[in-house]
Each structure stands twice: as C-alpha cells, then as structure tokens.
C-alpha cells in the first residue's frame, strides 16, 4: 500500500460505523482521502469505536441501509467515488441462526444493491468487496484454504458470505470485465481483533466486558482454532488490492486472502490465557457448559498469493496484536484519554513496523514489478 496514492482519492466506504469500518475510516482520513461512509447508525453506547474515536469528524457520514437500493444509489451518485470498499454486513454467526432472513438480505442482496448502483456511477474505477474466511466450504482441513477452493457455509452467516463471493464473480464476468471500466475484487480475512470492538458473541469483546464487570470470561469453545490477526492487517490488504485495481485494472480483479502466519492460528484458550495475563489482577476465565449452535472447529487461510503478488504480509505477530489491543481497552477504561489519538498512534506504529519489515520507510508495492500469476480463481 502506497500512502501517497490515497491523498485526495474519493472513497465510498460502506459499514463505516462498525468496528473494522471505523478503523479504516480513520486510516483513510490520515492518508488524506476524501471519504464518504454509508451505514446504519452506530449504537447509542458512547464506547463504540465510531463514537469514542469521533470517526465522523473527518469524513462525510451518511446514515442509511444497504437493503434500501434507492438510498444507496443516491448516496453513491452524490459522492462520485473513484474507489468503493464494501464492508457493511451482518457479521455474526450466532445472530445469523436467530435472524437468517436479515443476514441474507444484508449480506447478499445488500451487495447486489451496491454492485448495481456502481454500474450507474461513471467515476468508479475499483471496488473491493470484503467477505470472510468463513465463505469457504470448511471441511475441517488442517491446510489453509486457498482462493481456488470452493465456497460454502454450514450456517446462514457463512453461507451468505459464500453467496456474496458468487455474486461478486457473476457481476465481474457479466458487467465489469467487459471494457474494464470497473475492476472488482473480493477480500477474505480471518478473525480480527483490536481496540473498540464491542460486538456480541465475539471472544475479545466478551473478555473485556467480563473484565470491566469483574466477572470471569465464559468461553464456549476453548479448543477452536482461528487465524487471529490485528484489524490493521487485513485493512492494509484491502487498501493494497484497491490500489492495484485502480492502477492495473482487471489483472487484480479476483479473490484475495489476508490471514496471519501459520504460527498465529491459535486456539481460543491460548488467546484468553494471554489477554488475562496481560491485563493482570482480576482477569480470569471459565468454561461455558451450555452447548451452542455449530461453529467451525478449525479454520485457516493460505495468504501466499497476497504475499507473492501484492507484497503484503502481516506487520505484527499475534502477541504484539494482543498487546496493542489490551493497551487500547485499558486506556478506554481509565478515562482521560483521546481514543481517536490513540487509534491514530497505533495506525502510525503499524505503518512504521510494516516499513521496517520491508526495509523501507513506508509500505510500498512497486507497480512495475509484476509477480508471476497464480492458478485461475474459481470465484
């Protein structure tokens, strides 16, 4: 990702009031982009990242529902974006069991509405549709899933994300590849962590809610293994893909995985042990005896294509990611801190660490150096 590229770029970001969307909104603002967000309003809770970090302060924030095609199209036409990043979603597995219709309406038809609106806006050159690692047909393989593996989904959420990948492929081949005006890619990431996530039924928010209330963290599946990573890792990948779509067009219009290294695919109990140890006094956990709905036991991504063709790689180990996450939540509970400033500082640290990792001052991908192409992508 080349920071200079984003200065002055008009970006339309759906889901900007959510956890990942708030981090990306602030990052784009720091890069000098002109950002328009479209999403449902953030919860009234003043501790949500969107509110506590004053995300709307540096962008145009449009409150709307992607299930409303007229409102979405109107907002996109008004913004006249060059780049669209679609992150609005119903993102929770357990909620999808309770509300399958809302999940499919948001995650599938919401995407259809967005892609159809994009066909009417001549300024758009690149679209990144963010789905999920759970879009893959999870057979419990010990190997990381690759972009050529089939889509699937046991539960409504996972299935809806698999459907979203098929919708993306259909619109790309039917409307966007012809003439190459708009380059469309999808991005799949694993379990992300970071400051400001208060979503229900997510491990890290559950941990810090329990700590704040003086209770033990109740863990459902301590041996479930996930590809954990800090939220800034996949966001840097989304920006890298968007940049290459804008600069190189349909050559990069395909699916992309952004996951951590193999050593950072850890079981839930490892995560809980580390965070409670980092927090110190009063942090503890216990096993939830209630049997919940099906959740995948093992899931891992193979991100070798992104490493080879985009020059992308995680900047932080999982241990470092957990430390920054714990620092963020500790600062938010202590009060008297500007959580916007802390969020910006962590973004700056991540950029600096990425630069050191690549041997440059900033993370860059030289457009002239095209890595070898990989196998054809199914979706």
Protein backbone atom coordinates (compact mmCIF):
# COMPACT_ATOMS: atom_id res chain seq x y z
CA UNK A 1 0.00 0.00 0.00
CA UNK A 2 1.46 3.33 -1.10
CA UNK A 3 0.35 6.14 1.26
CA UNK A 4 0.82 8.87 -1.34
CA UNK A 5 -1.64 7.15 -3.67
CA UNK A 6 -4.58 7.83 -1.35
CA UNK A 7 -4.17 11.57 -0.97
CA UNK A 8 -7.25 13.22 -2.48
CA UNK A 9 -8.82 9.94 -3.65
CA UNK A 10 -12.61 9.84 -3.36
CA UNK A 11 -13.55 6.69 -1.44
CA UNK A 12 -17.04 5.32 -0.77
CA UNK A 13 -16.96 3.03 2.26
CA UNK A 14 -19.98 1.03 3.42
CA UNK A 15 -20.12 -0.11 7.03
CA UNK A 16 -18.07 2.84 8.27
CA UNK A 17 -19.85 2.91 11.65
CA UNK A 18 -18.77 -0.65 12.50
CA UNK A 19 -15.57 -1.87 14.13
CA UNK A 20 -13.47 -2.53 11.01
CA UNK A 21 -15.12 0.33 9.15
CA UNK A 22 -14.23 2.82 11.90
CA UNK A 23 -10.56 1.80 11.86
CA UNK A 24 -10.44 2.03 8.07
CA UNK A 25 -12.25 5.39 8.06
CA UNK A 26 -9.67 6.91 10.39
CA UNK A 27 -6.80 5.39 8.41
CA UNK A 28 -8.14 6.78 5.13
CA UNK A 29 -8.59 10.19 6.76
CA UNK A 30 -4.97 10.11 7.93
CA UNK A 31 -3.90 9.24 4.37
CA UNK A 32 -5.68 12.33 3.05
CA UNK A 33 -8.52 10.56 1.23
CA UNK A 34 -11.94 12.15 0.79
CA UNK A 35 -14.17 9.56 2.46
CA UNK A 36 -17.93 9.12 2.26
CA UNK A 37 -19.37 6.45 4.54
CA UNK A 38 -22.74 4.73 4.19
CA UNK A 39 -24.03 2.56 7.03
CA UNK A 40 -26.59 2.05 9.73
CA UNK A 41 -26.17 4.40 12.68
CA UNK A 42 -23.78 3.29 15.40
CA UNK A 43 -25.33 2.12 18.67
CA UNK A 44 -26.04 4.83 21.24
CA UNK A 45 -23.36 3.40 23.52
CA UNK A 46 -20.71 6.15 23.77
CA UNK A 47 -17.97 3.50 23.98
CA UNK A 48 -18.45 2.25 20.42
CA UNK A 49 -15.35 2.98 18.37
CA UNK A 50 -17.26 5.16 15.91
CA UNK A 51 -18.35 7.47 18.72
CA UNK A 52 -15.44 7.33 21.15
CA UNK A 53 -12.89 7.95 18.37
CA UNK A 54 -15.04 10.64 16.69
CA UNK A 55 -14.77 8.87 13.35
CA UNK A 56 -17.36 11.09 11.62
CA UNK A 57 -15.26 14.18 12.31
CA UNK A 58 -13.06 13.79 9.23
CA UNK A 59 -15.47 12.40 6.64
CA UNK A 60 -18.96 12.59 5.15
CA UNK A 61 -21.10 10.18 7.14
CA UNK A 62 -24.36 9.07 5.52
CA UNK A 63 -26.69 7.01 7.70
CA UNK A 64 -28.57 4.50 5.56
CA UNK A 65 -29.35 0.85 4.96
CA UNK A 66 -27.78 -1.14 2.10
CA UNK A 67 -31.06 -3.04 1.89
CA UNK A 68 -32.52 0.23 0.55
CA UNK A 69 -31.27 0.39 -3.06
CA UNK A 70 -32.64 3.89 -3.76
CA UNK A 71 -30.89 5.44 -0.76
CA UNK A 72 -27.64 3.62 -1.51
CA UNK A 73 -27.64 4.65 -5.18
CA UNK A 74 -28.39 8.27 -4.30
CA UNK A 75 -25.53 8.41 -1.79
CA UNK A 76 -23.09 6.85 -4.24
CA UNK A 77 -24.05 9.21 -7.05
CA UNK A 78 -23.66 12.20 -4.72
CA UNK A 79 -20.20 11.05 -3.62
CA UNK A 80 -18.89 10.29 -7.15
CA UNK A 81 -16.23 7.96 -5.73
CA UNK A 82 -13.22 6.58 -7.55
CA UNK A 83 -12.87 3.63 -5.18
CA UNK A 84 -15.59 1.66 -3.35
CA UNK A 85 -14.85 -0.59 -0.35
CA UNK A 86 -17.87 -2.63 0.73
CA UNK A 87 -17.77 -3.69 4.38
CA UNK A 88 -21.38 -3.31 5.53
CA UNK A 89 -22.66 -6.68 6.75
CA UNK A 90 -24.46 -8.71 9.38
CA UNK A 91 -21.17 -10.15 10.70
CA UNK A 92 -22.13 -12.58 13.47
CA UNK A 93 -22.51 -16.35 13.16
CA UNK A 94 -24.76 -16.90 16.17
CA UNK A 95 -27.00 -13.98 15.26
CA UNK A 96 -27.39 -15.47 11.77
CA UNK A 97 -29.03 -18.53 13.33
CA UNK A 98 -31.58 -16.26 15.03
CA UNK A 99 -32.07 -13.89 12.09
CA UNK A 100 -31.35 -15.73 8.81
CA UNK A 101 -33.59 -13.53 6.65
CA UNK A 102 -31.89 -10.33 7.81
CA UNK A 103 -28.48 -11.98 7.32
CA UNK A 104 -29.15 -12.96 3.69
CA UNK A 105 -30.93 -9.67 2.94
CA UNK A 106 -27.93 -7.70 4.19
CA UNK A 107 -25.01 -9.86 3.10
CA UNK A 108 -26.32 -10.99 -0.29
CA UNK A 109 -28.93 -8.52 -1.54
CA UNK A 110 -27.09 -5.60 0.06
CA UNK A 111 -24.11 -6.49 -2.12
CA UNK A 112 -26.34 -6.81 -5.19
CA UNK A 113 -27.70 -3.32 -4.49
CA UNK A 114 -24.18 -1.92 -4.18
CA UNK A 115 -22.84 -3.50 -7.36
CA UNK A 116 -25.90 -2.48 -9.34
CA UNK A 117 -25.58 1.09 -8.06
CA UNK A 118 -21.93 1.12 -9.11
CA UNK A 119 -22.94 0.40 -12.69
CA UNK A 120 -24.64 3.81 -12.74
CA UNK A 121 -21.67 5.84 -11.42
CA UNK A 122 -19.09 6.61 -14.11
CA UNK A 123 -16.40 7.82 -11.69
CA UNK A 124 -15.82 4.39 -10.12
CA UNK A 125 -12.68 2.51 -11.16
CA UNK A 126 -12.18 -0.03 -8.36
CA UNK A 127 -14.41 -2.00 -5.96
CA UNK A 128 -13.26 -4.22 -3.09
CA UNK A 129 -15.97 -6.44 -1.62
CA UNK A 130 -14.99 -7.66 1.85
CA UNK A 131 -16.40 -11.09 2.67
CA UNK A 132 -14.94 -13.56 5.18
CA UNK A 133 -12.75 -16.62 5.63
CA UNK A 134 -15.99 -18.40 6.53
CA UNK A 135 -17.08 -18.11 2.89
CA UNK A 136 -15.06 -21.24 2.16
CA UNK A 137 -16.66 -24.69 2.28
CA UNK A 138 -15.00 -25.66 5.55
CA UNK A 139 -14.18 -29.38 5.60
CA UNK A 140 -12.03 -29.13 8.72
CA UNK A 141 -8.81 -29.27 6.70
CA UNK A 142 -5.53 -28.70 8.54
CA UNK A 143 -4.27 -26.84 5.46
CA UNK A 144 -5.06 -23.19 4.84
CA UNK A 145 -7.84 -22.52 2.34
CA UNK A 146 -6.68 -21.03 -0.95
CA UNK A 147 -8.50 -18.70 -3.31
CA UNK A 148 -9.15 -21.60 -5.72
CA UNK A 149 -11.03 -23.61 -3.07
CA UNK A 150 -14.85 -23.83 -3.30
CA UNK A 151 -17.24 -21.55 -1.45
CA UNK A 152 -19.77 -22.95 1.01
CA UNK A 153 -21.08 -22.40 4.51
CA UNK A 154 -22.72 -24.53 7.22
CA UNK A 155 -24.56 -21.69 8.98
CA UNK A 156 -26.55 -18.77 7.48
CA UNK A 157 -23.73 -16.27 8.02
CA UNK A 158 -21.05 -18.41 6.37
CA UNK A 159 -23.43 -19.38 3.58
CA UNK A 160 -24.33 -15.74 2.96
CA UNK A 161 -20.65 -14.87 2.57
CA UNK A 162 -20.16 -17.77 0.17
CA UNK A 163 -23.15 -16.43 -1.78
CA UNK A 164 -21.59 -12.96 -1.76
CA UNK A 165 -18.47 -14.40 -3.41
CA UNK A 166 -20.61 -15.96 -6.15
CA UNK A 167 -22.47 -12.67 -6.67
CA UNK A 168 -19.12 -10.88 -6.95
CA UNK A 169 -17.90 -13.35 -9.57
CA UNK A 170 -21.15 -13.08 -11.54
CA UNK A 171 -21.13 -9.26 -11.65
CA UNK A 172 -17.44 -9.24 -12.54
CA UNK A 173 -17.88 -11.55 -15.52
CA UNK A 174 -21.26 -10.15 -16.62
CA UNK A 175 -20.76 -6.40 -16.27
CA UNK A 176 -17.33 -5.23 -15.13
CA UNK A 177 -14.71 -7.19 -17.06
CA UNK A 178 -16.18 -6.13 -20.40
CA UNK A 179 -14.39 -2.90 -21.26
CA UNK A 180 -12.55 -2.91 -17.93
CA UNK A 181 -14.00 0.36 -16.60
CA UNK A 182 -14.52 -1.08 -13.11
CA UNK A 183 -12.16 -3.65 -11.58
CA UNK A 184 -13.90 -5.75 -8.89
CA UNK A 185 -12.16 -7.94 -6.30
CA UNK A 186 -13.18 -9.74 -3.12
CA UNK A 187 -11.15 -9.91 0.09
CA UNK A 188 -11.36 -12.62 2.74
CA UNK A 189 -9.87 -12.28 6.21
CA UNK A 190 -9.86 -14.26 9.42
CA UNK A 191 -10.81 -13.33 12.98
CA UNK A 192 -9.71 -9.76 13.60
CA UNK A 193 -9.02 -8.17 16.96
CA UNK A 194 -8.32 -4.61 18.02
CA UNK A 195 -9.45 -1.81 20.25
CA UNK A 196 -13.05 -0.66 20.11
CA UNK A 197 -14.80 -3.90 19.16
CA UNK A 198 -17.86 -4.36 21.39
CA UNK A 199 -19.87 -6.76 19.19
CA UNK A 200 -21.91 -9.50 20.81
CA UNK A 201 -20.68 -13.11 20.78
CA UNK A 202 -17.09 -12.24 19.91
CA UNK A 203 -14.27 -13.53 22.06
CA UNK A 204 -12.17 -10.41 22.62
CA UNK A 205 -15.12 -8.05 23.36
CA UNK A 206 -16.53 -10.72 25.68
CA UNK A 207 -13.21 -10.86 27.52
CA UNK A 208 -13.01 -7.12 28.12
CA UNK A 209 -16.69 -6.81 29.03
CA UNK A 210 -16.20 -9.50 31.67
CA UNK A 211 -13.04 -7.83 32.98
CA UNK A 212 -14.83 -4.47 33.24
CA UNK A 213 -17.66 -6.06 35.24
CA UNK A 214 -15.32 -8.06 37.48
CA UNK A 215 -16.64 -11.38 36.19
CA UNK A 216 -14.92 -14.44 34.75
CA UNK A 217 -14.84 -14.72 30.97
CA UNK A 218 -17.18 -17.53 29.89
CA UNK A 219 -15.58 -19.40 26.95
CA UNK A 220 -17.66 -21.61 24.62
CA UNK A 221 -15.09 -23.47 22.51
CA UNK A 222 -11.62 -23.23 24.08
CA UNK A 223 -10.03 -25.62 21.58
CA UNK A 224 -11.44 -23.97 18.42
CA UNK A 225 -8.56 -22.68 16.29
CA UNK A 226 -8.84 -19.45 14.29
CA UNK A 227 -6.49 -17.27 12.17
CA UNK A 228 -6.27 -14.35 14.61
CA UNK A 229 -4.82 -11.02 13.48
CA UNK A 230 -4.99 -7.34 14.34
CA UNK A 231 -7.62 -5.43 12.40
CA UNK A 232 -4.96 -3.29 10.71
CA UNK A 233 -3.50 -6.33 8.92
CA UNK A 234 -6.44 -7.13 6.61
CA UNK A 235 -7.25 -3.42 6.25
CA UNK A 236 -3.78 -2.87 4.81
CA UNK A 237 -4.53 -5.72 2.40
CA UNK A 238 -7.83 -4.18 1.31
CA UNK A 239 -6.06 -0.90 0.59
CA UNK A 240 -3.31 -2.69 -1.34
CA UNK A 241 -5.87 -4.50 -3.51
CA UNK A 242 -7.86 -1.32 -4.13
CA UNK A 243 -4.71 0.49 -5.20
CA UNK A 244 -3.73 -2.22 -7.67
CA UNK A 245 -7.29 -2.45 -9.05
CA UNK A 246 -7.21 1.31 -9.65
CA UNK A 247 -3.76 1.26 -11.25
CA UNK A 248 -3.75 -2.08 -13.09
CA UNK A 249 -7.43 -2.87 -13.61
CA UNK A 250 -8.80 -6.34 -14.14
CA UNK A 251 -5.39 -8.01 -13.73
CA UNK A 252 -6.05 -7.95 -9.98
CA UNK A 253 -9.85 -8.41 -10.16
CA UNK A 254 -10.15 -11.70 -8.30
CA UNK A 255 -10.38 -13.13 -4.78
CA UNK A 256 -7.69 -12.45 -2.15
CA UNK A 257 -6.93 -13.97 1.27
CA UNK A 258 -5.46 -11.88 4.09
CA UNK A 259 -4.58 -14.06 7.03
CA UNK A 260 -1.84 -14.31 9.64
CA UNK A 261 1.18 -16.57 9.52
CA UNK A 262 0.61 -20.24 10.35
CA UNK A 263 2.10 -19.78 13.81
CA UNK A 264 -0.64 -17.25 14.68
CA UNK A 265 -3.53 -19.65 14.06
CA UNK A 266 -4.19 -20.31 17.75
CA UNK A 267 -6.90 -21.98 19.84
CA UNK A 268 -9.31 -19.83 21.82
CA UNK A 269 -7.81 -20.88 25.17
CA UNK A 270 -4.39 -19.52 24.07
CA UNK A 271 -5.95 -16.12 23.34
CA UNK A 272 -7.84 -15.96 26.65
CA UNK A 273 -4.78 -17.02 28.64
CA UNK A 274 -2.62 -14.34 27.01
CA UNK A 275 -5.10 -11.48 27.44
CA UNK A 276 -5.92 -12.29 31.07
CA UNK A 277 -2.19 -12.48 31.81
CA UNK A 278 -1.54 -9.13 30.06
CA UNK A 279 -4.38 -7.45 31.94
CA UNK A 280 -3.30 -8.78 35.31
CA UNK A 281 -5.28 -8.65 38.53
CA UNK A 282 -8.95 -9.65 38.34
CA UNK A 283 -8.91 -11.16 34.83
CA UNK A 284 -9.94 -14.82 34.70
CA UNK A 285 -11.95 -17.25 32.57
CA UNK A 286 -14.18 -20.30 32.89
CA UNK A 287 -15.73 -22.86 30.52
CA UNK A 288 -19.29 -22.32 29.29
CA UNK A 289 -21.22 -25.56 29.90
CA UNK A 290 -24.10 -24.56 27.59
CA UNK A 291 -23.92 -26.19 24.16
CA UNK A 292 -24.31 -23.57 21.44
CA UNK A 293 -25.03 -23.92 17.70
CA UNK A 294 -22.45 -25.36 15.31
CA UNK A 295 -19.29 -23.33 14.79
CA UNK A 296 -16.27 -24.44 12.76
CA UNK A 297 -13.61 -26.07 14.94
CA UNK A 298 -10.63 -25.34 12.73
CA UNK A 299 -10.19 -22.67 10.07
CA UNK A 300 -7.06 -21.26 8.47
CA UNK A 301 -6.27 -19.19 5.37
CA UNK A 302 -3.43 -19.52 2.89
CA UNK A 303 -2.36 -15.97 2.03
CA UNK A 304 0.62 -16.85 -0.15
CA UNK A 305 -0.98 -15.25 -3.22
CA UNK A 306 -1.23 -11.85 -1.49
CA UNK A 307 2.35 -12.17 -0.30
CA UNK A 308 3.60 -13.06 -3.78
CA UNK A 309 1.59 -10.71 -5.97
CA UNK A 310 0.84 -7.76 -3.67
CA UNK A 311 3.92 -7.81 -1.46
CA UNK A 312 1.55 -7.93 1.51
CA UNK A 313 2.46 -9.51 4.85
CA UNK A 314 1.34 -9.02 8.47
CA UNK A 315 3.39 -6.43 10.32
CA UNK A 316 2.60 -7.71 13.83
CA UNK A 317 2.78 -11.10 15.46
CA UNK A 318 -0.30 -12.21 17.37
CA UNK A 319 1.46 -11.47 20.66
CA UNK A 320 2.07 -7.88 19.53
CA UNK A 321 -1.50 -7.56 18.28
CA UNK A 322 -2.86 -8.72 21.64
CA UNK A 323 -0.67 -6.23 23.46
CA UNK A 324 -1.86 -3.27 21.35
CA UNK A 325 -5.45 -4.44 21.76
CA UNK A 326 -5.13 -4.74 25.54
CA UNK A 327 -3.45 -1.32 25.72
CA UNK A 328 -6.38 0.22 23.79
CA UNK A 329 -9.04 -1.25 26.08
CA UNK A 330 -7.08 -0.36 29.21
CA UNK A 331 -6.79 3.27 28.06
CA UNK A 332 -10.52 3.41 27.30
CA UNK A 333 -11.42 2.18 30.79
CA UNK A 334 -9.00 4.53 32.57
CA UNK A 335 -10.63 7.64 31.07
CA UNK A 336 -8.97 10.94 30.29
CA UNK A 337 -7.51 9.59 27.04
CA UNK A 338 -8.27 10.67 23.49
CA UNK A 339 -9.21 7.37 21.91
CA UNK A 340 -9.05 8.93 18.46
CA UNK A 341 -5.44 9.96 19.09
CA UNK A 342 -4.57 6.51 20.45
CA UNK A 343 -6.16 4.84 17.41
CA UNK A 344 -4.17 7.10 15.09
CA UNK A 345 -0.96 6.34 17.03
CA UNK A 346 -1.50 2.60 16.67
CA UNK A 347 -2.04 3.05 12.93
CA UNK A 348 1.22 5.00 12.74
CA UNK A 349 3.07 2.30 14.70
CA UNK A 350 1.71 -0.36 12.37
CA UNK A 351 2.82 1.59 9.29
CA UNK A 352 6.29 2.08 10.78
CA UNK A 353 6.61 -1.61 11.68
CA UNK A 354 5.49 -2.58 8.17
CA UNK A 355 8.12 -0.27 6.71
CA UNK A 356 10.86 -1.79 8.88
CA UNK A 357 9.73 -5.27 7.90
CA UNK A 358 10.05 -4.39 4.20
CA UNK A 359 13.20 -2.35 4.63
CA UNK A 360 11.52 0.91 3.61
CA UNK A 361 10.17 3.93 5.42
CA UNK A 362 6.65 3.17 4.23
CA UNK A 363 4.87 0.11 2.93
CA UNK A 364 5.14 0.18 -0.86
CA UNK A 365 4.41 -2.15 -3.74
CA UNK A 366 6.25 -1.20 -6.92
CA UNK A 367 3.65 -1.25 -9.72
CA UNK A 368 6.30 -2.04 -12.34
CA UNK A 369 7.28 -5.32 -10.68
CA UNK A 370 4.59 -7.81 -11.63
CA UNK A 371 4.87 -11.11 -9.74
CA UNK A 372 4.06 -14.34 -11.59
CA UNK A 373 0.38 -15.11 -11.97
CA UNK A 374 -1.10 -17.98 -10.00
CA UNK A 375 -3.75 -20.55 -10.86
CA UNK A 376 -7.11 -19.36 -12.15
CA UNK A 377 -9.53 -18.36 -9.41
CA UNK A 378 -12.87 -20.13 -9.23
CA UNK A 379 -14.77 -17.28 -7.56
